[in-house]
Amino acid sequence: MGSMSIWHWLIVLVVVMLVFGTKKLGNMGSDIGKAVKGFKDGVKGDEDKAAAAPAAPSQVADKTTIDVDAKEKSKH
């Protein structure tokens, strides 16, 4: 009685299938799979972003703004 036999698990599975239905269980399984994949991709994407150092921010406030690099004048 201490451990559950295969028959106990089969009865639990049948009860769960009767309560939720096979379609809903399949949808829940695919939703959980998509969530896990999205989480893994998000973690992997964060690691890729941390490894790549951005060169310079290239944000433009409006179309009239010109982004240039300024050079220092030499005093010769």
PDB file of N, CA and C in Angstrom:
ATOM      1  N   MET A   1       0.809  -1.199   0.000  1.00  0.00           N
ATOM      2  CA  MET A   1       0.000   0.000   0.000  1.00  0.00           C
ATOM      3  C   MET A   1       0.854   1.265   0.000  1.00  0.00           C
ATOM      4  N   GLY A   2       2.135   1.129   0.278  1.00  0.00           N
ATOM      5  CA  GLY A   2       2.992   2.304   0.365  1.00  0.00           C
ATOM      6  C   GLY A   2       3.228   2.965  -0.978  1.00  0.00           C
ATOM      7  N   SER A   3       3.397   2.165  -2.035  1.00  0.00           N
ATOM      8  CA  SER A   3       3.652   2.759  -3.346  1.00  0.00           C
ATOM      9  C   SER A   3       2.435   2.543  -4.247  1.00  0.00           C
ATOM     10  N   MET A   4       2.329   3.400  -5.232  1.00  0.00           N
ATOM     11  CA  MET A   4       1.194   3.305  -6.149  1.00  0.00           C
ATOM     12  C   MET A   4       1.551   2.328  -7.275  1.00  0.00           C
ATOM     13  N   SER A   5       0.661   1.432  -7.599  1.00  0.00           N
ATOM     14  CA  SER A   5       0.906   0.484  -8.683  1.00  0.00           C
ATOM     15  C   SER A   5       0.448   1.100 -10.000  1.00  0.00           C
ATOM     16  N   ILE A   6       0.684   0.379 -11.068  1.00  0.00           N
ATOM     17  CA  ILE A   6       0.296   0.853 -12.393  1.00  0.00           C
ATOM     18  C   ILE A   6      -1.218   1.004 -12.487  1.00  0.00           C
ATOM     19  N   TRP A   7      -1.956   0.158 -11.788  1.00  0.00           N
ATOM     20  CA  TRP A   7      -3.421   0.229 -11.841  1.00  0.00           C
ATOM     21  C   TRP A   7      -3.937   1.515 -11.188  1.00  0.00           C
ATOM     22  N   HIS A   8      -3.279   1.943 -10.136  1.00  0.00           N
ATOM     23  CA  HIS A   8      -3.679   3.205  -9.503  1.00  0.00           C
ATOM     24  C   HIS A   8      -3.493   4.377 -10.474  1.00  0.00           C
ATOM     25  N   TRP A   9      -2.344   4.379 -11.154  1.00  0.00           N
ATOM     26  CA  TRP A   9      -2.066   5.457 -12.099  1.00  0.00           C
ATOM     27  C   TRP A   9      -3.008   5.433 -13.297  1.00  0.00           C
ATOM     28  N   LEU A  10      -3.364   4.245 -13.766  1.00  0.00           N
ATOM     29  CA  LEU A  10      -4.325   4.142 -14.870  1.00  0.00           C
ATOM     30  C   LEU A  10      -5.698   4.677 -14.466  1.00  0.00           C
ATOM     31  N   ILE A  11      -6.132   4.375 -13.260  1.00  0.00           N
ATOM     32  CA  ILE A  11      -7.421   4.884 -12.772  1.00  0.00           C
ATOM     33  C   ILE A  11      -7.380   6.407 -12.644  1.00  0.00           C
ATOM     34  N   VAL A  12      -6.275   6.932 -12.139  1.00  0.00           N
ATOM     35  CA  VAL A  12      -6.136   8.390 -12.026  1.00  0.00           C
ATOM     36  C   VAL A  12      -6.160   9.023 -13.424  1.00  0.00           C
ATOM     37  N   LEU A  13      -5.487   8.417 -14.391  1.00  0.00           N
ATOM     38  CA  LEU A  13      -5.467   8.931 -15.752  1.00  0.00           C
ATOM     39  C   LEU A  13      -6.867   8.930 -16.368  1.00  0.00           C
ATOM     40  N   VAL A  14      -7.622   7.865 -16.163  1.00  0.00           N
ATOM     41  CA  VAL A  14      -8.983   7.790 -16.699  1.00  0.00           C
ATOM     42  C   VAL A  14      -9.867   8.857 -16.070  1.00  0.00           C
ATOM     43  N   VAL A  15      -9.753   9.068 -14.774  1.00  0.00           N
ATOM     44  CA  VAL A  15     -10.557  10.087 -14.100  1.00  0.00           C
ATOM     45  C   VAL A  15     -10.203  11.482 -14.617  1.00  0.00           C
ATOM     46  N   VAL A  16      -8.915  11.752 -14.779  1.00  0.00           N
ATOM     47  CA  VAL A  16      -8.487  13.056 -15.294  1.00  0.00           C
ATOM     48  C   VAL A  16      -9.004  13.259 -16.712  1.00  0.00           C
ATOM     49  N   MET A  17      -8.940  12.234 -17.548  1.00  0.00           N
ATOM     50  CA  MET A  17      -9.439  12.354 -18.912  1.00  0.00           C
ATOM     51  C   MET A  17     -10.949  12.567 -18.939  1.00  0.00           C
ATOM     52  N   LEU A  18     -11.677  11.944 -18.019  1.00  0.00           N
ATOM     53  CA  LEU A  18     -13.118  12.152 -17.959  1.00  0.00           C
ATOM     54  C   LEU A  18     -13.464  13.561 -17.487  1.00  0.00           C
ATOM     55  N   VAL A  19     -12.687  14.089 -16.575  1.00  0.00           N
ATOM     56  CA  VAL A  19     -12.968  15.420 -16.038  1.00  0.00           C
ATOM     57  C   VAL A  19     -12.609  16.498 -17.054  1.00  0.00           C
ATOM     58  N   PHE A  20     -11.414  16.432 -17.628  1.00  0.00           N
ATOM     59  CA  PHE A  20     -10.939  17.496 -18.503  1.00  0.00           C
ATOM     60  C   PHE A  20     -11.199  17.231 -19.984  1.00  0.00           C
ATOM     61  N   GLY A  21     -11.212  15.993 -20.398  1.00  0.00           N
ATOM     62  CA  GLY A  21     -11.370  15.670 -21.809  1.00  0.00           C
ATOM     63  C   GLY A  21     -10.019  15.660 -22.498  1.00  0.00           C
ATOM     64  N   THR A  22      -9.923  14.868 -23.555  1.00  0.00           N
ATOM     65  CA  THR A  22      -8.635  14.716 -24.232  1.00  0.00           C
ATOM     66  C   THR A  22      -8.245  15.969 -25.001  1.00  0.00           C
ATOM     67  N   LYS A  23      -9.216  16.687 -25.547  1.00  0.00           N
ATOM     68  CA  LYS A  23      -8.903  17.894 -26.314  1.00  0.00           C
ATOM     69  C   LYS A  23      -8.306  18.971 -25.406  1.00  0.00           C
ATOM     70  N   LYS A  24      -8.905  19.162 -24.253  1.00  0.00           N
ATOM     71  CA  LYS A  24      -8.399  20.184 -23.332  1.00  0.00           C
ATOM     72  C   LYS A  24      -7.022  19.793 -22.796  1.00  0.00           C
ATOM     73  N   LEU A  25      -6.802  18.514 -22.518  1.00  0.00           N
ATOM     74  CA  LEU A  25      -5.488  18.068 -22.044  1.00  0.00           C
ATOM     75  C   LEU A  25      -4.439  18.277 -23.125  1.00  0.00           C
ATOM     76  N   GLY A  26      -4.788  18.015 -24.391  1.00  0.00           N
ATOM     77  CA  GLY A  26      -3.850  18.242 -25.489  1.00  0.00           C
ATOM     78  C   GLY A  26      -3.517  19.717 -25.638  1.00  0.00           C
ATOM     79  N   ASN A  27      -4.530  20.568 -25.503  1.00  0.00           N
ATOM     80  CA  ASN A  27      -4.296  22.011 -25.591  1.00  0.00           C
ATOM     81  C   ASN A  27      -3.414  22.488 -24.451  1.00  0.00           C
ATOM     82  N   MET A  28      -3.654  21.978 -23.251  1.00  0.00           N
ATOM     83  CA  MET A  28      -2.831  22.376 -22.104  1.00  0.00           C
ATOM     84  C   MET A  28      -1.385  21.929 -22.311  1.00  0.00           C
ATOM     85  N   GLY A  29      -1.196  20.720 -22.837  1.00  0.00           N
ATOM     86  CA  GLY A  29       0.154  20.223 -23.085  1.00  0.00           C
ATOM     87  C   GLY A  29       0.890  21.054 -24.118  1.00  0.00           C
ATOM     88  N   SER A  30       0.205  21.424 -25.195  1.00  0.00           N
ATOM     89  CA  SER A  30       0.869  22.241 -26.218  1.00  0.00           C
ATOM     90  C   SER A  30       1.149  23.647 -25.702  1.00  0.00           C
ATOM     91  N   ASP A  31       0.253  24.200 -24.881  1.00  0.00           N
ATOM     92  CA  ASP A  31       0.487  25.521 -24.294  1.00  0.00           C
ATOM     93  C   ASP A  31       1.691  25.511 -23.360  1.00  0.00           C
ATOM     94  N   ILE A  32       1.814  24.468 -22.581  1.00  0.00           N
ATOM     95  CA  ILE A  32       2.961  24.357 -21.672  1.00  0.00           C
ATOM     96  C   ILE A  32       4.251  24.207 -22.483  1.00  0.00           C
ATOM     97  N   GLY A  33       4.204  23.413 -23.550  1.00  0.00           N
ATOM     98  CA  GLY A  33       5.380  23.251 -24.413  1.00  0.00           C
ATOM     99  C   GLY A  33       5.801  24.565 -25.051  1.00  0.00           C
ATOM    100  N   LYS A  34       4.835  25.352 -25.530  1.00  0.00           N
ATOM    101  CA  LYS A  34       5.147  26.653 -26.126  1.00  0.00           C
ATOM    102  C   LYS A  34       5.726  27.609 -25.089  1.00  0.00           C
ATOM    103  N   ALA A  35       5.192  27.547 -23.877  1.00  0.00           N
ATOM    104  CA  ALA A  35       5.697  28.425 -22.817  1.00  0.00           C
ATOM    105  C   ALA A  35       7.137  28.079 -22.465  1.00  0.00           C
ATOM    106  N   VAL A  36       7.446  26.795 -22.374  1.00  0.00           N
ATOM    107  CA  VAL A  36       8.813  26.369 -22.062  1.00  0.00           C
ATOM    108  C   VAL A  36       9.759  26.772 -23.186  1.00  0.00           C
ATOM    109  N   LYS A  37       9.331  26.596 -24.434  1.00  0.00           N
ATOM    110  CA  LYS A  37      10.178  26.982 -25.574  1.00  0.00           C
ATOM    111  C   LYS A  37      10.407  28.491 -25.585  1.00  0.00           C
ATOM    112  N   GLY A  38       9.364  29.259 -25.313  1.00  0.00           N
ATOM    113  CA  GLY A  38       9.508  30.707 -25.264  1.00  0.00           C
ATOM    114  C   GLY A  38      10.449  31.146 -24.158  1.00  0.00           C
ATOM    115  N   PHE A  39      10.363  30.484 -23.013  1.00  0.00           N
ATOM    116  CA  PHE A  39      11.261  30.796 -21.899  1.00  0.00           C
ATOM    117  C   PHE A  39      12.706  30.498 -22.269  1.00  0.00           C
ATOM    118  N   LYS A  40      12.942  29.345 -22.885  1.00  0.00           N
ATOM    119  CA  LYS A  40      14.306  28.979 -23.293  1.00  0.00           C
ATOM    120  C   LYS A  40      14.846  29.960 -24.322  1.00  0.00           C
ATOM    121  N   ASP A  41      14.009  30.337 -25.296  1.00  0.00           N
ATOM    122  CA  ASP A  41      14.443  31.307 -26.303  1.00  0.00           C
ATOM    123  C   ASP A  41      14.733  32.660 -25.664  1.00  0.00           C
ATOM    124  N   GLY A  42      13.930  33.058 -24.687  1.00  0.00           N
ATOM    125  CA  GLY A  42      14.153  34.322 -24.003  1.00  0.00           C
ATOM    126  C   GLY A  42      15.456  34.324 -23.221  1.00  0.00           C
ATOM    127  N   VAL A  43      15.743  33.234 -22.546  1.00  0.00           N
ATOM    128  CA  VAL A  43      16.991  33.138 -21.781  1.00  0.00           C
ATOM    129  C   VAL A  43      18.175  33.111 -22.742  1.00  0.00           C
ATOM    130  N   LYS A  44      18.046  32.370 -23.832  1.00  0.00           N
ATOM    131  CA  LYS A  44      19.119  32.293 -24.817  1.00  0.00           C
ATOM    132  C   LYS A  44      19.334  33.656 -25.475  1.00  0.00           C
ATOM    133  N   GLY A  45      18.255  34.372 -25.766  1.00  0.00           N
ATOM    134  CA  GLY A  45      18.360  35.689 -26.373  1.00  0.00           C
ATOM    135  C   GLY A  45      19.037  36.682 -25.454  1.00  0.00           C
ATOM    136  N   ASP A  46      18.757  36.622 -24.149  1.00  0.00           N
ATOM    137  CA  ASP A  46      19.404  37.511 -23.192  1.00  0.00           C
ATOM    138  C   ASP A  46      20.902  37.252 -23.128  1.00  0.00           C
ATOM    139  N   GLU A  47      21.307  35.993 -23.201  1.00  0.00           N
ATOM    140  CA  GLU A  47      22.727  35.662 -23.178  1.00  0.00           C
ATOM    141  C   GLU A  47      23.412  36.165 -24.439  1.00  0.00           C
ATOM    142  N   ASP A  48      22.732  36.059 -25.592  1.00  0.00           N
ATOM    143  CA  ASP A  48      23.308  36.550 -26.844  1.00  0.00           C
ATOM    144  C   ASP A  48      23.447  38.065 -26.812  1.00  0.00           C
ATOM    145  N   LYS A  49      22.473  38.752 -26.258  1.00  0.00           N
ATOM    146  CA  LYS A  49      22.532  40.209 -26.183  1.00  0.00           C
ATOM    147  C   LYS A  49      23.634  40.664 -25.240  1.00  0.00           C
ATOM    148  N   ALA A  50      23.856  39.939 -24.144  1.00  0.00           N
ATOM    149  CA  ALA A  50      24.896  40.304 -23.191  1.00  0.00           C
ATOM    150  C   ALA A  50      26.285  40.084 -23.802  1.00  0.00           C
ATOM    151  N   ALA A  51      26.423  39.081 -24.652  1.00  0.00           N
ATOM    152  CA  ALA A  51      27.716  38.782 -25.256  1.00  0.00           C
ATOM    153  C   ALA A  51      28.082  39.810 -26.327  1.00  0.00           C
ATOM    154  N   ALA A  52      27.103  40.283 -27.052  1.00  0.00           N
ATOM    155  CA  ALA A  52      27.368  41.258 -28.118  1.00  0.00           C
ATOM    156  C   ALA A  52      27.291  42.668 -27.532  1.00  0.00           C
ATOM    157  N   ALA A  53      28.399  43.395 -27.628  1.00  0.00           N
ATOM    158  CA  ALA A  53      28.435  44.764 -27.111  1.00  0.00           C
ATOM    159  C   ALA A  53      27.952  45.717 -28.195  1.00  0.00           C
ATOM    160  N   PRO A  54      27.018  46.584 -27.882  1.00  0.00           N
ATOM    161  CA  PRO A  54      26.545  47.518 -28.898  1.00  0.00           C
ATOM    162  C   PRO A  54      27.611  48.571 -29.216  1.00  0.00           C
ATOM    163  N   ALA A  55      27.770  48.902 -30.487  1.00  0.00           N
ATOM    164  CA  ALA A  55      28.793  49.854 -30.920  1.00  0.00           C
ATOM    165  C   ALA A  55      28.429  51.272 -30.498  1.00  0.00           C
ATOM    166  N   ALA A  56      27.314  51.749 -30.955  1.00  0.00           N
ATOM    167  CA  ALA A  56      26.873  53.091 -30.604  1.00  0.00           C
ATOM    168  C   ALA A  56      25.363  53.146 -30.748  1.00  0.00           C
ATOM    169  N   PRO A  57      24.703  53.872 -29.887  1.00  0.00           N
ATOM    170  CA  PRO A  57      23.256  53.965 -30.036  1.00  0.00           C
ATOM    171  C   PRO A  57      22.912  54.793 -31.270  1.00  0.00           C
ATOM    172  N   SER A  58      22.026  54.281 -32.069  1.00  0.00           N
ATOM    173  CA  SER A  58      21.667  54.981 -33.303  1.00  0.00           C
ATOM    174  C   SER A  58      20.185  55.329 -33.266  1.00  0.00           C
ATOM    175  N   GLN A  59      19.810  56.167 -32.319  1.00  0.00           N
ATOM    176  CA  GLN A  59      18.429  56.588 -32.210  1.00  0.00           C
ATOM    177  C   GLN A  59      18.296  57.971 -32.826  1.00  0.00           C
ATOM    178  N   VAL A  60      17.279  58.129 -33.609  1.00  0.00           N
ATOM    179  CA  VAL A  60      17.022  59.407 -34.249  1.00  0.00           C
ATOM    180  C   VAL A  60      15.712  59.941 -33.687  1.00  0.00           C
ATOM    181  N   ALA A  61      15.765  61.164 -33.139  1.00  0.00           N
ATOM    182  CA  ALA A  61      14.573  61.759 -32.549  1.00  0.00           C
ATOM    183  C   ALA A  61      13.553  62.115 -33.619  1.00  0.00           C
ATOM    184  N   ASP A  62      13.996  62.736 -34.691  1.00  0.00           N
ATOM    185  CA  ASP A  62      13.110  63.057 -35.795  1.00  0.00           C
ATOM    186  C   ASP A  62      13.915  63.049 -37.090  1.00  0.00           C
ATOM    187  N   LYS A  63      13.285  63.344 -38.205  1.00  0.00           N
ATOM    188  CA  LYS A  63      13.953  63.265 -39.507  1.00  0.00           C
ATOM    189  C   LYS A  63      14.962  64.389 -39.728  1.00  0.00           C
ATOM    190  N   THR A  64      14.905  65.468 -38.931  1.00  0.00           N
ATOM    191  CA  THR A  64      15.818  66.587 -39.137  1.00  0.00           C
ATOM    192  C   THR A  64      17.111  66.446 -38.358  1.00  0.00           C
ATOM    193  N   THR A  65      17.216  65.450 -37.492  1.00  0.00           N
ATOM    194  CA  THR A  65      18.414  65.247 -36.691  1.00  0.00           C
ATOM    195  C   THR A  65      19.456  64.491 -37.502  1.00  0.00           C
ATOM    196  N   ILE A  66      20.680  64.972 -37.474  1.00  0.00           N
ATOM    197  CA  ILE A  66      21.776  64.318 -38.175  1.00  0.00           C
ATOM    198  C   ILE A  66      22.769  63.833 -37.129  1.00  0.00           C
ATOM    199  N   ASP A  67      23.116  62.570 -37.202  1.00  0.00           N
ATOM    200  CA  ASP A  67      24.039  61.978 -36.250  1.00  0.00           C
ATOM    201  C   ASP A  67      25.425  61.928 -36.888  1.00  0.00           C
ATOM    202  N   VAL A  68      26.380  62.648 -36.291  1.00  0.00           N
ATOM    203  CA  VAL A  68      27.749  62.664 -36.813  1.00  0.00           C
ATOM    204  C   VAL A  68      28.726  62.446 -35.679  1.00  0.00           C
ATOM    205  N   ASP A  69      29.949  62.064 -36.027  1.00  0.00           N
ATOM    206  CA  ASP A  69      31.023  61.935 -35.055  1.00  0.00           C
ATOM    207  C   ASP A  69      31.858  63.213 -35.102  1.00  0.00           C
ATOM    208  N   ALA A  70      32.062  63.830 -33.952  1.00  0.00           N
ATOM    209  CA  ALA A  70      32.856  65.062 -33.891  1.00  0.00           C
ATOM    210  C   ALA A  70      34.325  64.713 -33.727  1.00  0.00           C
ATOM    211  N   LYS A  71      35.183  65.463 -34.390  1.00  0.00           N
ATOM    212  CA  LYS A  71      36.627  65.272 -34.272  1.00  0.00           C
ATOM    213  C   LYS A  71      37.201  66.461 -33.524  1.00  0.00           C
ATOM    214  N   GLU A  72      38.254  66.218 -32.774  1.00  0.00           N
ATOM    215  CA  GLU A  72      38.901  67.295 -32.043  1.00  0.00           C
ATOM    216  C   GLU A  72      39.842  68.055 -32.978  1.00  0.00           C
ATOM    217  N   LYS A  73      39.914  69.368 -32.768  1.00  0.00           N
ATOM    218  CA  LYS A  73      40.836  70.171 -33.556  1.00  0.00           C
ATOM    219  C   LYS A  73      42.232  70.003 -32.985  1.00  0.00           C
ATOM    220  N   SER A  74      43.173  69.933 -33.866  1.00  0.00           N
ATOM    221  CA  SER A  74      44.566  69.899 -33.399  1.00  0.00           C
ATOM    222  C   SER A  74      45.049  71.330 -33.229  1.00  0.00           C
ATOM    223  N   LYS A  75      45.932  71.570 -32.293  1.00  0.00           N
ATOM    224  CA  LYS A  75      46.405  72.924 -31.996  1.00  0.00           C
ATOM    225  C   LYS A  75      47.741  73.217 -32.672  1.00  0.00           C
ATOM    226  N   HIS A  76      47.976  72.724 -33.838  1.00  0.00           N
ATOM    227  CA  HIS A  76      49.223  72.967 -34.562  1.00  0.00           C
ATOM    228  C   HIS A  76      49.200  74.251 -35.277  1.00  0.00           C
TER     229      HIS A  76
END
